[in-house]
């Protein structure tokens, strides 16, 4: 067995992947983006945080290169405008790290096909085909979707990642990644790959949609983070309310409008509006208060986002610099794995 002198990093490494899927809504912000950005600001000198735009993951479903490119810029501008500091974290495009794709192949050669058969995304597509009684259970499933977990494993393992903050629906990907790392370490030595763990922060907020269900693009009930003022006002005015007279006291805990208000208002503001609910207030006034609060909350970030989208050269510069820093980590890790598996680095 050939040993590498390219030792694993002593820094505790956290990695977050961001898939570009169009405009982000309030559910994305309060449930994922804000907790992730806040998390990056809590680290010590013994920790490092990597955030990457998983652009090649998006190619499993996107076929229009113009849309694809615009989504990448939009997600980068979104995170930057909301406070992600590229001087404090590693922020880069997945496609700018060629080492990811070589490691992807090395991992694929050590991954049983059965692991991919059990992956949630693949099983979900198979179930849809079965429900449609399609004779080809793999109809519409490309190899990118099928091997998606291996590419995700490469994203994680390439940076000696210790911790991957994820939602419950992403836990399996980290489990598959850890399984791949364990298998390779059993074959080639325990110092080949870091075996990552998932981290469920539990800090993500549940955000209702305009219809009361969980905010989701599939339900078309979302409010985009950077909604224009006029459209934002119209969306809030469309939220259904009961026909109670203005003078009748209302329960703030049973109000969708108040649920939205709690996301963007201070504790004092929430207490004041709750008191007015109990005293009696008209729904039109509540909607006006909600609009002002929500518009003010995102106004500066919206302006930064619009400026960034007009200056894509700057976004490219930020991501290019982030990729250069990230490759300083990636290259020796790939050399270590390549040496262990092939005898050359």
Foldseek 3Di string as FASTA:
>chain_A
DDADPLFFDQAAEEEEEAEQDDFAFPLCVQFPLVVVQVVLVPDDPSYAYEYEYALVLCVQPDDDVVVSVLSVLLVLLLSVLVHRDLVSHQYAYPVLQVLLVVQLVVLVVQADLVLLVPQPQLVVQLVVCVVVVPPDSCPSGDVSSSSVLSSVLSVQFLQLHAEYEDDPSCQSSLVSSLVSLVSLCVVQNVRQTRNYHYDHPVRRDQAAFLARHGDDVVVVRGHGLLDDLVVLLVSLVPRDDDDDDQQAAAQLVPDNLLSLQVVQDDPVVSVVVRVSNRRGGDPVVSSVVSSVRSCVRRVSSSVSSVVSSVVVVVSVVSNVVSSVVSNVSRVSSSQRNCCRPPVGD
